[in-house]
C-alpha atoms as a PDB file:
ATOM      1  CA  UNK A   1       2.770   4.641 -18.732  1.00  0.00           C
ATOM      2  CA  UNK A   2       0.161   4.300 -16.011  1.00  0.00           C
ATOM      3  CA  UNK A   3       1.086   1.818 -13.301  1.00  0.00           C
ATOM      4  CA  UNK A   4      -0.654  -0.081 -10.537  1.00  0.00           C
ATOM      5  CA  UNK A   5      -0.360   2.620  -7.873  1.00  0.00           C
ATOM      6  CA  UNK A   6      -1.344   5.510 -10.134  1.00  0.00           C
ATOM      7  CA  UNK A   7      -4.446   3.628 -11.257  1.00  0.00           C
ATOM      8  CA  UNK A   8      -5.285   2.680  -7.670  1.00  0.00           C
ATOM      9  CA  UNK A   9      -5.009   6.320  -6.558  1.00  0.00           C
ATOM     10  CA  UNK A  10      -7.411   7.426  -9.281  1.00  0.00           C
ATOM     11  CA  UNK A  11      -9.859   4.606  -8.495  1.00  0.00           C
ATOM     12  CA  UNK A  12      -9.950   5.371  -4.797  1.00  0.00           C
ATOM     13  CA  UNK A  13     -10.325   9.101  -5.438  1.00  0.00           C
ATOM     14  CA  UNK A  14     -13.277   8.443  -7.732  1.00  0.00           C
ATOM     15  CA  UNK A  15     -14.986   6.046  -5.350  1.00  0.00           C
ATOM     16  CA  UNK A  16     -14.497   8.050  -2.156  1.00  0.00           C
ATOM     17  CA  UNK A  17     -15.972  11.144  -3.813  1.00  0.00           C
ATOM     18  CA  UNK A  18     -19.393   9.592  -3.281  1.00  0.00           C
ATOM     19  CA  UNK A  19     -19.104   9.699   0.510  1.00  0.00           C
ATOM     20  CA  UNK A  20     -20.738  12.535   2.462  1.00  0.00           C
ATOM     21  CA  UNK A  21     -18.790  15.803   2.266  1.00  0.00           C
ATOM     22  CA  UNK A  22     -18.652  15.998   6.068  1.00  0.00           C
ATOM     23  CA  UNK A  23     -16.920  12.626   6.259  1.00  0.00           C
ATOM     24  CA  UNK A  24     -14.337  13.567   3.648  1.00  0.00           C
ATOM     25  CA  UNK A  25     -13.734  16.996   5.222  1.00  0.00           C
ATOM     26  CA  UNK A  26     -13.216  15.504   8.682  1.00  0.00           C
ATOM     27  CA  UNK A  27     -10.530  13.118   7.505  1.00  0.00           C
ATOM     28  CA  UNK A  28      -8.908  15.718   5.279  1.00  0.00           C
ATOM     29  CA  UNK A  29      -8.627  17.995   8.309  1.00  0.00           C
ATOM     30  CA  UNK A  30      -7.054  15.171  10.306  1.00  0.00           C
ATOM     31  CA  UNK A  31      -4.422  14.549   7.639  1.00  0.00           C
ATOM     32  CA  UNK A  32      -3.620  18.236   7.193  1.00  0.00           C
ATOM     33  CA  UNK A  33      -3.274  18.740  10.940  1.00  0.00           C
ATOM     34  CA  UNK A  34      -0.836  15.818  11.096  1.00  0.00           C
ATOM     35  CA  UNK A  35       1.741  17.546   8.907  1.00  0.00           C
ATOM     36  CA  UNK A  36       4.867  18.458  10.853  1.00  0.00           C
ATOM     37  CA  UNK A  37       6.732  21.795  10.701  1.00  0.00           C
ATOM     38  CA  UNK A  38       9.363  20.206   8.427  1.00  0.00           C
ATOM     39  CA  UNK A  39       6.670  19.344   5.875  1.00  0.00           C
ATOM     40  CA  UNK A  40       6.716  15.615   6.517  1.00  0.00           C
ATOM     41  CA  UNK A  41       4.457  13.321   8.502  1.00  0.00           C
ATOM     42  CA  UNK A  42       5.288  11.110  11.469  1.00  0.00           C
ATOM     43  CA  UNK A  43       3.952   7.918  12.988  1.00  0.00           C
ATOM     44  CA  UNK A  44       2.712   7.668  16.536  1.00  0.00           C
ATOM     45  CA  UNK A  45       6.197   8.344  17.866  1.00  0.00           C
ATOM     46  CA  UNK A  46       9.304  10.031  16.546  1.00  0.00           C
ATOM     47  CA  UNK A  47      10.019  12.514  13.802  1.00  0.00           C
ATOM     48  CA  UNK A  48       8.759  12.787  10.232  1.00  0.00           C
ATOM     49  CA  UNK A  49       9.778   9.997   7.874  1.00  0.00           C
ATOM     50  CA  UNK A  50       9.183   9.040   4.269  1.00  0.00           C
ATOM     51  CA  UNK A  51       7.018   6.016   5.078  1.00  0.00           C
ATOM     52  CA  UNK A  52       4.322   7.943   6.921  1.00  0.00           C
ATOM     53  CA  UNK A  53       4.670  10.900   4.595  1.00  0.00           C
ATOM     54  CA  UNK A  54       3.806   8.692   1.611  1.00  0.00           C
ATOM     55  CA  UNK A  55       0.686   7.374   3.355  1.00  0.00           C
ATOM     56  CA  UNK A  56      -0.435  10.867   4.299  1.00  0.00           C
ATOM     57  CA  UNK A  57       0.052  12.086   0.735  1.00  0.00           C
ATOM     58  CA  UNK A  58      -1.881   9.076  -0.580  1.00  0.00           C
ATOM     59  CA  UNK A  59      -4.773   9.942   1.709  1.00  0.00           C
ATOM     60  CA  UNK A  60      -4.702  13.624   0.762  1.00  0.00           C
ATOM     61  CA  UNK A  61      -4.538  12.785  -2.962  1.00  0.00           C
ATOM     62  CA  UNK A  62      -7.494  10.430  -2.566  1.00  0.00           C
ATOM     63  CA  UNK A  63      -9.492  13.249  -0.982  1.00  0.00           C
ATOM     64  CA  UNK A  64      -8.415  15.821  -3.565  1.00  0.00           C
ATOM     65  CA  UNK A  65      -6.479  17.814  -0.951  1.00  0.00           C
ATOM     66  CA  UNK A  66      -2.912  17.489  -2.214  1.00  0.00           C
ATOM     67  CA  UNK A  67      -2.214  21.018  -3.422  1.00  0.00           C
ATOM     68  CA  UNK A  68      -1.024  24.423  -2.227  1.00  0.00           C
ATOM     69  CA  UNK A  69       1.430  25.034   0.598  1.00  0.00           C
ATOM     70  CA  UNK A  70       0.868  21.610   2.173  1.00  0.00           C
ATOM     71  CA  UNK A  71       2.108  19.895  -0.987  1.00  0.00           C
ATOM     72  CA  UNK A  72       4.980  22.371  -1.421  1.00  0.00           C
ATOM     73  CA  UNK A  73       6.121  21.742   2.162  1.00  0.00           C
ATOM     74  CA  UNK A  74       5.860  17.981   1.658  1.00  0.00           C
ATOM     75  CA  UNK A  75       7.942  18.274  -1.515  1.00  0.00           C
ATOM     76  CA  UNK A  76      10.656  20.123   0.381  1.00  0.00           C
ATOM     77  CA  UNK A  77      10.681  17.395   3.013  1.00  0.00           C
ATOM     78  CA  UNK A  78      10.917  14.587   0.452  1.00  0.00           C
ATOM     79  CA  UNK A  79      13.722  16.382  -1.395  1.00  0.00           C
ATOM     80  CA  UNK A  80      15.628  16.816   1.871  1.00  0.00           C
ATOM     81  CA  UNK A  81      15.610  13.036   2.417  1.00  0.00           C
ATOM     82  CA  UNK A  82      16.675  11.809  -1.006  1.00  0.00           C
ATOM     83  CA  UNK A  83      20.318  11.460   0.030  1.00  0.00           C
ATOM     84  CA  UNK A  84      19.377   9.517   3.176  1.00  0.00           C
ATOM     85  CA  UNK A  85      17.344   6.592   1.880  1.00  0.00           C
ATOM     86  CA  UNK A  86      18.033   3.820   4.364  1.00  0.00           C
ATOM     87  CA  UNK A  87      15.808   0.997   3.095  1.00  0.00           C
ATOM     88  CA  UNK A  88      13.725  -0.153   0.146  1.00  0.00           C
ATOM     89  CA  UNK A  89      10.671   1.072   2.060  1.00  0.00           C
ATOM     90  CA  UNK A  90      12.195   4.551   2.278  1.00  0.00           C
ATOM     91  CA  UNK A  91      13.101   4.441  -1.402  1.00  0.00           C
ATOM     92  CA  UNK A  92       9.685   3.330  -2.657  1.00  0.00           C
ATOM     93  CA  UNK A  93       7.962   5.765  -0.271  1.00  0.00           C
ATOM     94  CA  UNK A  94      10.066   8.575  -1.731  1.00  0.00           C
ATOM     95  CA  UNK A  95       9.337   7.482  -5.301  1.00  0.00           C
ATOM     96  CA  UNK A  96       5.595   7.292  -4.704  1.00  0.00           C
ATOM     97  CA  UNK A  97       5.571  10.653  -2.924  1.00  0.00           C
ATOM     98  CA  UNK A  98       7.426  12.198  -5.877  1.00  0.00           C
ATOM     99  CA  UNK A  99       4.904  10.757  -8.367  1.00  0.00           C
ATOM    100  CA  UNK A 100       1.912  11.871  -6.259  1.00  0.00           C
ATOM    101  CA  UNK A 101       3.250  15.403  -5.905  1.00  0.00           C
ATOM    102  CA  UNK A 102       3.728  15.573  -9.658  1.00  0.00           C
ATOM    103  CA  UNK A 103       0.292  14.055 -10.441  1.00  0.00           C
ATOM    104  CA  UNK A 104      -1.712  16.072  -7.920  1.00  0.00           C
ATOM    105  CA  UNK A 105       0.200  19.316  -7.419  1.00  0.00           C
ATOM    106  CA  UNK A 106       2.396  19.617 -10.506  1.00  0.00           C
ATOM    107  CA  UNK A 107       5.577  19.677  -8.400  1.00  0.00           C
ATOM    108  CA  UNK A 108       8.648  18.080 -10.025  1.00  0.00           C
ATOM    109  CA  UNK A 109      10.789  17.060  -7.072  1.00  0.00           C
ATOM    110  CA  UNK A 110      13.431  15.444  -9.293  1.00  0.00           C
ATOM    111  CA  UNK A 111      13.668  18.376 -11.681  1.00  0.00           C
ATOM    112  CA  UNK A 112      16.802  19.723 -10.045  1.00  0.00           C
ATOM    113  CA  UNK A 113      18.407  16.324  -9.503  1.00  0.00           C
ATOM    114  CA  UNK A 114      19.827  14.976 -12.775  1.00  0.00           C
ATOM    115  CA  UNK A 115      20.638  11.282 -12.593  1.00  0.00           C
ATOM    116  CA  UNK A 116      18.512  10.690  -9.483  1.00  0.00           C
ATOM    117  CA  UNK A 117      15.917   8.572 -11.295  1.00  0.00           C
ATOM    118  CA  UNK A 118      18.607   6.289 -12.728  1.00  0.00           C
ATOM    119  CA  UNK A 119      20.281   5.970  -9.323  1.00  0.00           C
ATOM    120  CA  UNK A 120      16.954   4.961  -7.786  1.00  0.00           C
ATOM    121  CA  UNK A 121      16.451   2.289 -10.431  1.00  0.00           C
ATOM    122  CA  UNK A 122      19.897   0.827  -9.777  1.00  0.00           C
ATOM    123  CA  UNK A 123      19.287   0.895  -6.015  1.00  0.00           C
ATOM    124  CA  UNK A 124      16.138  -1.146  -6.506  1.00  0.00           C
ATOM    125  CA  UNK A 125      17.824  -3.582  -8.879  1.00  0.00           C
ATOM    126  CA  UNK A 126      20.685  -4.090  -6.427  1.00  0.00           C
ATOM    127  CA  UNK A 127      18.218  -6.004  -4.257  1.00  0.00           C
ATOM    128  CA  UNK A 128      17.679  -8.714  -6.903  1.00  0.00           C
ATOM    129  CA  UNK A 129      18.578 -12.200  -5.726  1.00  0.00           C
ATOM    130  CA  UNK A 130      19.304 -15.537  -7.393  1.00  0.00           C
ATOM    131  CA  UNK A 131      15.826 -16.843  -6.529  1.00  0.00           C
ATOM    132  CA  UNK A 132      14.313 -14.267  -8.902  1.00  0.00           C
ATOM    133  CA  UNK A 133      12.818 -11.933  -6.330  1.00  0.00           C
ATOM    134  CA  UNK A 134      14.122  -9.001  -4.343  1.00  0.00           C
ATOM    135  CA  UNK A 135      15.486  -8.877  -0.803  1.00  0.00           C
ATOM    136  CA  UNK A 136      14.602  -6.482   1.994  1.00  0.00           C
ATOM    137  CA  UNK A 137      18.128  -5.073   2.307  1.00  0.00           C
ATOM    138  CA  UNK A 138      21.388  -5.185   0.313  1.00  0.00           C
ATOM    139  CA  UNK A 139      22.674  -7.707   2.856  1.00  0.00           C
ATOM    140  CA  UNK A 140      19.642  -9.980   2.590  1.00  0.00           C
ATOM    141  CA  UNK A 141      20.367 -13.456   1.228  1.00  0.00           C
ATOM    142  CA  UNK A 142      16.840 -14.397   0.151  1.00  0.00           C
ATOM    143  CA  UNK A 143      13.910 -12.566  -1.360  1.00  0.00           C
ATOM    144  CA  UNK A 144      10.759 -11.342   0.348  1.00  0.00           C
ATOM    145  CA  UNK A 145       7.302 -11.406  -1.239  1.00  0.00           C
ATOM    146  CA  UNK A 146       6.372  -7.984   0.109  1.00  0.00           C
ATOM    147  CA  UNK A 147       9.666  -6.335  -0.824  1.00  0.00           C
ATOM    148  CA  UNK A 148       9.519  -7.866  -4.297  1.00  0.00           C
ATOM    149  CA  UNK A 149       6.099  -6.225  -4.646  1.00  0.00           C
ATOM    150  CA  UNK A 150       7.561  -2.900  -3.483  1.00  0.00           C
ATOM    151  CA  UNK A 151      10.402  -3.087  -5.997  1.00  0.00           C
ATOM    152  CA  UNK A 152       8.012  -3.944  -8.837  1.00  0.00           C
ATOM    153  CA  UNK A 153       5.846  -0.961  -7.878  1.00  0.00           C
ATOM    154  CA  UNK A 154       8.872   1.315  -7.586  1.00  0.00           C
ATOM    155  CA  UNK A 155      10.183   0.339 -11.009  1.00  0.00           C
ATOM    156  CA  UNK A 156       6.728   0.874 -12.515  1.00  0.00           C
ATOM    157  CA  UNK A 157       6.517   4.342 -10.967  1.00  0.00           C
ATOM    158  CA  UNK A 158       9.940   5.167 -12.410  1.00  0.00           C
ATOM    159  CA  UNK A 159       8.777   3.822 -15.798  1.00  0.00           C
ATOM    160  CA  UNK A 160      11.614   1.325 -15.866  1.00  0.00           C
ATOM    161  CA  UNK A 161      10.963  -2.016 -17.640  1.00  0.00           C
ATOM    162  CA  UNK A 162      11.182  -5.023 -15.339  1.00  0.00           C
ATOM    163  CA  UNK A 163      14.286  -7.102 -15.941  1.00  0.00           C
ATOM    164  CA  UNK A 164      13.583 -10.798 -16.531  1.00  0.00           C
ATOM    165  CA  UNK A 165       9.962 -10.758 -15.300  1.00  0.00           C
ATOM    166  CA  UNK A 166       9.617 -14.536 -15.755  1.00  0.00           C
ATOM    167  CA  UNK A 167      12.044 -15.047 -12.868  1.00  0.00           C
ATOM    168  CA  UNK A 168       9.944 -12.731 -10.684  1.00  0.00           C
ATOM    169  CA  UNK A 169       6.886 -14.834 -11.502  1.00  0.00           C
ATOM    170  CA  UNK A 170       8.839 -17.986 -10.673  1.00  0.00           C
ATOM    171  CA  UNK A 171       9.831 -16.597  -7.292  1.00  0.00           C
ATOM    172  CA  UNK A 172       6.286 -15.530  -6.439  1.00  0.00           C
ATOM    173  CA  UNK A 173       4.864 -18.920  -7.376  1.00  0.00           C
ATOM    174  CA  UNK A 174       7.489 -20.599  -5.192  1.00  0.00           C
ATOM    175  CA  UNK A 175       6.032 -18.679  -2.238  1.00  0.00           C
ATOM    176  CA  UNK A 176       2.602 -20.214  -2.677  1.00  0.00           C
ATOM    177  CA  UNK A 177       1.424 -22.648  -0.015  1.00  0.00           C
ATOM    178  CA  UNK A 178      -1.279 -25.279  -0.139  1.00  0.00           C
ATOM    179  CA  UNK A 179      -4.677 -23.667   0.249  1.00  0.00           C
ATOM    180  CA  UNK A 180      -4.021 -20.492  -1.732  1.00  0.00           C
ATOM    181  CA  UNK A 181      -2.001 -18.435   0.749  1.00  0.00           C
ATOM    182  CA  UNK A 182       1.449 -17.018   0.020  1.00  0.00           C
ATOM    183  CA  UNK A 183       4.284 -16.746   2.534  1.00  0.00           C
ATOM    184  CA  UNK A 184       6.475 -13.724   3.105  1.00  0.00           C
ATOM    185  CA  UNK A 185       9.872 -15.458   3.230  1.00  0.00           C
ATOM    186  CA  UNK A 186      11.048 -18.873   2.086  1.00  0.00           C
ATOM    187  CA  UNK A 187      11.403 -20.369   5.569  1.00  0.00           C
ATOM    188  CA  UNK A 188       7.914 -19.335   6.707  1.00  0.00           C
ATOM    189  CA  UNK A 189       5.547 -22.207   7.376  1.00  0.00           C
ATOM    190  CA  UNK A 190       2.390 -20.112   7.246  1.00  0.00           C
ATOM    191  CA  UNK A 191       0.947 -17.664   4.751  1.00  0.00           C
ATOM    192  CA  UNK A 192      -0.832 -14.419   5.484  1.00  0.00           C
ATOM    193  CA  UNK A 193      -3.342 -11.976   4.049  1.00  0.00           C
ATOM    194  CA  UNK A 194      -0.770  -9.290   3.295  1.00  0.00           C
ATOM    195  CA  UNK A 195       1.922 -11.377   1.531  1.00  0.00           C
ATOM    196  CA  UNK A 196      -0.918 -13.034  -0.377  1.00  0.00           C
ATOM    197  CA  UNK A 197      -2.202  -9.636  -1.504  1.00  0.00           C
ATOM    198  CA  UNK A 198       1.341  -8.651  -2.523  1.00  0.00           C
ATOM    199  CA  UNK A 199       1.843 -11.884  -4.470  1.00  0.00           C
ATOM    200  CA  UNK A 200      -1.450 -11.552  -6.332  1.00  0.00           C
ATOM    201  CA  UNK A 201      -0.626  -7.926  -7.063  1.00  0.00           C
ATOM    202  CA  UNK A 202       2.651  -8.958  -8.716  1.00  0.00           C
ATOM    203  CA  UNK A 203       1.039 -11.763 -10.707  1.00  0.00           C
ATOM    204  CA  UNK A 204      -1.694  -9.412 -11.945  1.00  0.00           C
ATOM    205  CA  UNK A 205       0.838  -6.749 -12.954  1.00  0.00           C
ATOM    206  CA  UNK A 206       2.793  -9.388 -14.889  1.00  0.00           C
ATOM    207  CA  UNK A 207      -0.351 -10.988 -16.339  1.00  0.00           C
ATOM    208  CA  UNK A 208       0.576 -14.321 -14.771  1.00  0.00           C
ATOM    209  CA  UNK A 209      -2.407 -15.116 -12.514  1.00  0.00           C
ATOM    210  CA  UNK A 210      -4.108 -18.340 -13.549  1.00  0.00           C
ATOM    211  CA  UNK A 211      -7.598 -19.469 -12.589  1.00  0.00           C
ATOM    212  CA  UNK A 212      -6.497 -22.138 -10.100  1.00  0.00           C
ATOM    213  CA  UNK A 213      -4.386 -19.611  -8.204  1.00  0.00           C
ATOM    214  CA  UNK A 214      -7.224 -17.122  -8.270  1.00  0.00           C
ATOM    215  CA  UNK A 215      -9.820 -19.581  -6.950  1.00  0.00           C
ATOM    216  CA  UNK A 216      -7.660 -20.830  -4.077  1.00  0.00           C
ATOM    217  CA  UNK A 217      -6.634 -17.305  -3.106  1.00  0.00           C
ATOM    218  CA  UNK A 218     -10.252 -16.144  -3.067  1.00  0.00           C
ATOM    219  CA  UNK A 219     -11.095 -19.006  -0.717  1.00  0.00           C
ATOM    220  CA  UNK A 220      -8.148 -18.228   1.571  1.00  0.00           C
ATOM    221  CA  UNK A 221      -8.806 -14.487   1.819  1.00  0.00           C
ATOM    222  CA  UNK A 222     -12.529 -15.002   2.406  1.00  0.00           C
ATOM    223  CA  UNK A 223     -11.644 -17.308   5.301  1.00  0.00           C
ATOM    224  CA  UNK A 224      -9.671 -14.462   6.907  1.00  0.00           C
ATOM    225  CA  UNK A 225     -12.842 -12.454   7.607  1.00  0.00           C
ATOM    226  CA  UNK A 226     -13.653 -12.602  11.326  1.00  0.00           C
ATOM    227  CA  UNK A 227     -16.814 -12.118  13.312  1.00  0.00           C
ATOM    228  CA  UNK A 228     -15.703  -8.517  13.863  1.00  0.00           C
ATOM    229  CA  UNK A 229     -16.173  -8.001  10.139  1.00  0.00           C
ATOM    230  CA  UNK A 230     -12.614  -7.193   9.095  1.00  0.00           C
ATOM    231  CA  UNK A 231      -9.842  -9.498   7.919  1.00  0.00           C
ATOM    232  CA  UNK A 232      -7.083 -10.871  10.128  1.00  0.00           C
ATOM    233  CA  UNK A 233      -3.427 -11.058   9.136  1.00  0.00           C
ATOM    234  CA  UNK A 234      -3.059 -14.855   9.394  1.00  0.00           C
ATOM    235  CA  UNK A 235      -4.640 -17.920  10.938  1.00  0.00           C
ATOM    236  CA  UNK A 236      -2.764 -17.524  14.235  1.00  0.00           C
ATOM    237  CA  UNK A 237      -4.170 -14.043  14.860  1.00  0.00           C
ATOM    238  CA  UNK A 238      -7.813 -14.048  16.005  1.00  0.00           C
ATOM    239  CA  UNK A 239      -8.528 -10.330  15.571  1.00  0.00           C
ATOM    240  CA  UNK A 240      -9.002  -8.232  12.444  1.00  0.00           C
ATOM    241  CA  UNK A 241      -7.015  -5.122  11.509  1.00  0.00           C
ATOM    242  CA  UNK A 242      -7.476  -2.350   8.933  1.00  0.00           C
ATOM    243  CA  UNK A 243      -4.288  -3.156   6.987  1.00  0.00           C
ATOM    244  CA  UNK A 244      -5.302  -6.759   6.316  1.00  0.00           C
ATOM    245  CA  UNK A 245      -8.893  -5.657   5.691  1.00  0.00           C
ATOM    246  CA  UNK A 246      -7.888  -3.140   3.030  1.00  0.00           C
ATOM    247  CA  UNK A 247      -5.322  -5.308   1.241  1.00  0.00           C
ATOM    248  CA  UNK A 248      -7.521  -8.401   1.337  1.00  0.00           C
ATOM    249  CA  UNK A 249     -10.604  -6.539   0.151  1.00  0.00           C
ATOM    250  CA  UNK A 250      -8.666  -4.779  -2.620  1.00  0.00           C
ATOM    251  CA  UNK A 251      -7.279  -8.098  -3.836  1.00  0.00           C
ATOM    252  CA  UNK A 252     -10.713  -9.705  -3.919  1.00  0.00           C
ATOM    253  CA  UNK A 253     -12.169  -6.687  -5.750  1.00  0.00           C
ATOM    254  CA  UNK A 254      -9.335  -6.842  -8.284  1.00  0.00           C
ATOM    255  CA  UNK A 255      -9.899 -10.529  -9.050  1.00  0.00           C
ATOM    256  CA  UNK A 256     -13.657 -10.088  -9.335  1.00  0.00           C
ATOM    257  CA  UNK A 257     -14.574 -11.791  -6.056  1.00  0.00           C
ATOM    258  CA  UNK A 258     -15.729  -8.960  -3.778  1.00  0.00           C
ATOM    259  CA  UNK A 259     -18.959 -10.858  -3.099  1.00  0.00           C
ATOM    260  CA  UNK A 260     -16.994 -13.552  -1.233  1.00  0.00           C
ATOM    261  CA  UNK A 261     -16.824 -11.199   1.770  1.00  0.00           C
ATOM    262  CA  UNK A 262     -19.763 -10.251   3.989  1.00  0.00           C
ATOM    263  CA  UNK A 263     -20.062  -6.579   3.088  1.00  0.00           C
ATOM    264  CA  UNK A 264     -22.313  -5.372   5.971  1.00  0.00           C
ATOM    265  CA  UNK A 265     -19.827  -6.782   8.489  1.00  0.00           C
ATOM    266  CA  UNK A 266     -16.922  -5.184   6.627  1.00  0.00           C
ATOM    267  CA  UNK A 267     -18.589  -1.784   6.708  1.00  0.00           C
ATOM    268  CA  UNK A 268     -19.373  -2.129  10.399  1.00  0.00           C
ATOM    269  CA  UNK A 269     -15.753  -2.973  11.173  1.00  0.00           C
ATOM    270  CA  UNK A 270     -14.313  -0.087   9.159  1.00  0.00           C
ATOM    271  CA  UNK A 271     -16.743   2.426  10.627  1.00  0.00           C
ATOM    272  CA  UNK A 272     -15.943   1.148  14.134  1.00  0.00           C
ATOM    273  CA  UNK A 273     -12.288   2.040  13.522  1.00  0.00           C
ATOM    274  CA  UNK A 274     -13.227   5.558  12.401  1.00  0.00           C
ATOM    275  CA  UNK A 275     -12.660   8.365  14.920  1.00  0.00           C
ATOM    276  CA  UNK A 276     -15.253  11.068  15.397  1.00  0.00           C
ATOM    277  CA  UNK A 277     -12.440  13.646  15.323  1.00  0.00           C
ATOM    278  CA  UNK A 278     -11.084  12.304  12.020  1.00  0.00           C
ATOM    279  CA  UNK A 279      -8.534   9.636  11.304  1.00  0.00           C
ATOM    280  CA  UNK A 280      -8.662   5.901  11.948  1.00  0.00           C
ATOM    281  CA  UNK A 281      -7.266   3.497  14.503  1.00  0.00           C
ATOM    282  CA  UNK A 282      -5.785   0.244  13.284  1.00  0.00           C
ATOM    283  CA  UNK A 283      -8.221  -2.196  14.888  1.00  0.00           C
ATOM    284  CA  UNK A 284     -11.015  -2.373  17.434  1.00  0.00           C
ATOM    285  CA  UNK A 285      -8.481  -3.089  20.182  1.00  0.00           C
ATOM    286  CA  UNK A 286      -6.170  -0.232  19.115  1.00  0.00           C
ATOM    287  CA  UNK A 287      -6.251   2.923  21.233  1.00  0.00           C
ATOM    288  CA  UNK A 288      -4.024   4.929  18.882  1.00  0.00           C
ATOM    289  CA  UNK A 289      -4.355   6.402  15.417  1.00  0.00           C
ATOM    290  CA  UNK A 290      -2.051   7.551  12.613  1.00  0.00           C
ATOM    291  CA  UNK A 291      -1.931   8.594   8.961  1.00  0.00           C
ATOM    292  CA  UNK A 292      -1.106   5.082   7.724  1.00  0.00           C
ATOM    293  CA  UNK A 293      -4.251   3.509   9.166  1.00  0.00           C
ATOM    294  CA  UNK A 294      -6.209   6.557   8.091  1.00  0.00           C
ATOM    295  CA  UNK A 295      -5.226   5.743   4.509  1.00  0.00           C
ATOM    296  CA  UNK A 296      -6.317   2.115   4.984  1.00  0.00           C
ATOM    297  CA  UNK A 297      -9.604   3.258   6.500  1.00  0.00           C
ATOM    298  CA  UNK A 298     -10.303   5.732   3.723  1.00  0.00           C
ATOM    299  CA  UNK A 299      -9.293   3.184   1.102  1.00  0.00           C
ATOM    300  CA  UNK A 300     -11.627   0.610   2.630  1.00  0.00           C
ATOM    301  CA  UNK A 301     -14.525   3.082   2.643  1.00  0.00           C
ATOM    302  CA  UNK A 302     -13.806   3.900  -1.008  1.00  0.00           C
ATOM    303  CA  UNK A 303     -13.864   0.204  -1.976  1.00  0.00           C
ATOM    304  CA  UNK A 304     -17.079  -0.348  -0.044  1.00  0.00           C
ATOM    305  CA  UNK A 305     -18.659   2.743  -1.610  1.00  0.00           C
ATOM    306  CA  UNK A 306     -17.760   1.424  -5.072  1.00  0.00           C
ATOM    307  CA  UNK A 307     -19.637  -1.792  -4.260  1.00  0.00           C
ATOM    308  CA  UNK A 308     -22.927   0.079  -3.700  1.00  0.00           C
END
């Protein structure tokens, strides 16, 4: 069974292949050089973790560079962390890394761990709440739009049927606000580009996106594009960032509304976040760089290249 993330990886790999070889080689070199001695990848501070490792592997897979010793070292790192999964983000990052390493490098991380897949499924399901969605932590009382999206993706990657999907749809629709935006948590008064992208992703996976939702969401996400060219996270934030740009653009592409964004401005914004040495910063005001934003930058370039 091919799921949302597997299909997205293949799409982005196909579309980024049309970029100049020098561009792809520069960013591949950046990602490879970011790998730590333990085989994992780190953020801007601290040691390797599963979250950044998953983003680095996604970028390398997109560029066709996930093979050889780099992938073997990453597999050893992921395996070393499977008994220390501290959050749903860690768990889904581990699951996606495992699937990528199998897809791209033929490495079966779970091969020597009988029962691990089933334990992962039960860990994800333990986050289910009475409102139909999934919480951020086992102690969480209410569901989160983003973490529900992560759990749905994780269960798809593990090829586990979703339990009572109609209740998931009901939760997601309850997060919708007037104007087409979706909120992250029930008490939030304002929606954002990223929870909206997560909500639409869930509804598309479950074949539950109707035309009125689609039209309002298109209008909302298009309104998030700033004069800088990228998309901002919500209406209170005046500046664009690569995360919101990638997720918003991907959502609009997926619902057939890519033309609602001003493409030349988008391209200018993404290229302005690109570093000459390789890698991407997160926004025009951001002085740093990391493998997560490099994935968003590469993904944005792939989507823009597909639109040519």
